């Protein structure tokens, strides 16, 4: 994986690369916790709340606060 200097952080291609890498990392960690592939909404919750924050809810999107659940649910429905 290429590594870029911090001065390139605002470059759209570089930031997309780092975001894609971080999302893949989160999905992998979530899959380990869930025992199955993570949904888009679950991945967003881990991104938004952090793994520790989402873990406080047992990695169960139905237990997170309503505002976060609604957004995660919308993401899941958007890709169907």
Protein backbone atom coordinates (compact mmCIF):
# COMPACT_ATOMS: atom_id res chain seq x y z
CA UNK A 1 0.00 0.00 0.00
CA UNK A 2 1.42 3.40 -0.87
CA UNK A 3 2.12 5.86 1.91
CA UNK A 4 1.70 9.57 1.28
CA UNK A 5 3.01 12.60 3.21
CA UNK A 6 0.48 14.41 5.38
CA UNK A 7 0.66 17.38 3.03
CA UNK A 8 -1.29 15.29 0.48
CA UNK A 9 -4.17 14.53 2.87
CA UNK A 10 -6.54 16.87 1.02
CA UNK A 11 -5.82 15.28 -2.36
CA UNK A 12 -9.10 13.51 -3.32
CA UNK A 13 -7.35 10.42 -4.71
CA UNK A 14 -5.14 10.04 -1.64
CA UNK A 15 -7.98 10.57 0.83
CA UNK A 16 -10.15 8.07 -1.07
CA UNK A 17 -7.33 5.52 -0.91
CA UNK A 18 -6.96 5.94 2.85
CA UNK A 19 -10.73 5.85 3.42
CA UNK A 20 -11.08 2.68 1.31
CA UNK A 21 -8.26 1.04 3.29
CA UNK A 22 -9.77 2.01 6.64
CA UNK A 23 -13.25 0.81 5.64
CA UNK A 24 -11.81 -2.53 4.51
CA UNK A 25 -10.02 -2.81 7.85
CA UNK A 26 -13.22 -2.06 9.77
CA UNK A 27 -15.24 -4.56 7.70
CA UNK A 28 -12.64 -7.24 8.42
CA UNK A 29 -12.70 -6.57 12.16
CA UNK A 30 -16.50 -6.51 12.17
CA UNK A 31 -16.66 -9.80 10.27
CA UNK A 32 -14.53 -11.35 13.02
CA UNK A 33 -16.88 -10.02 15.70
CA UNK A 34 -20.09 -10.89 13.86
CA UNK A 35 -19.05 -14.22 12.38
CA UNK A 36 -20.33 -13.06 8.97
CA UNK A 37 -19.71 -10.22 6.51
CA UNK A 38 -20.70 -6.80 7.88
CA UNK A 39 -23.47 -4.85 6.19
CA UNK A 40 -22.92 -1.34 4.91
CA UNK A 41 -24.88 0.07 7.86
CA UNK A 42 -22.83 -1.90 10.38
CA UNK A 43 -19.62 -0.73 8.74
CA UNK A 44 -20.85 2.86 8.90
CA UNK A 45 -21.62 2.46 12.61
CA UNK A 46 -18.07 1.21 13.25
CA UNK A 47 -16.73 4.16 11.22
CA UNK A 48 -18.97 6.68 12.97
CA UNK A 49 -18.83 5.33 16.53
CA UNK A 50 -15.47 3.58 16.40
CA UNK A 51 -15.07 -0.12 17.06
CA UNK A 52 -15.04 0.40 20.81
CA UNK A 53 -18.14 2.61 20.72
CA UNK A 54 -20.08 0.22 18.51
CA UNK A 55 -18.81 -2.69 20.61
CA UNK A 56 -20.50 -1.18 23.67
CA UNK A 57 -23.76 -2.15 21.96
CA UNK A 58 -22.58 -5.69 21.28
CA UNK A 59 -22.10 -4.84 17.57
CA UNK A 60 -25.88 -4.95 17.30
CA UNK A 61 -27.22 -2.08 15.22
CA UNK A 62 -30.67 -2.50 16.77
CA UNK A 63 -29.25 -1.47 20.16
CA UNK A 64 -27.52 1.77 19.10
CA UNK A 65 -29.22 5.16 19.66
CA UNK A 66 -32.18 5.77 17.36
CA UNK A 67 -30.53 8.50 15.28
CA UNK A 68 -27.61 6.22 14.43
CA UNK A 69 -29.85 3.21 13.80
CA UNK A 70 -31.98 5.19 11.34
CA UNK A 71 -28.91 6.26 9.34
CA UNK A 72 -27.43 2.75 9.32
CA UNK A 73 -30.78 1.26 8.32
CA UNK A 74 -31.09 3.76 5.44
CA UNK A 75 -27.64 2.79 4.20
CA UNK A 76 -28.57 -0.90 4.26
CA UNK A 77 -31.75 -0.19 2.29
CA UNK A 78 -29.96 2.06 -0.21
CA UNK A 79 -27.87 -0.81 -1.57
CA UNK A 80 -30.63 -3.39 -1.98
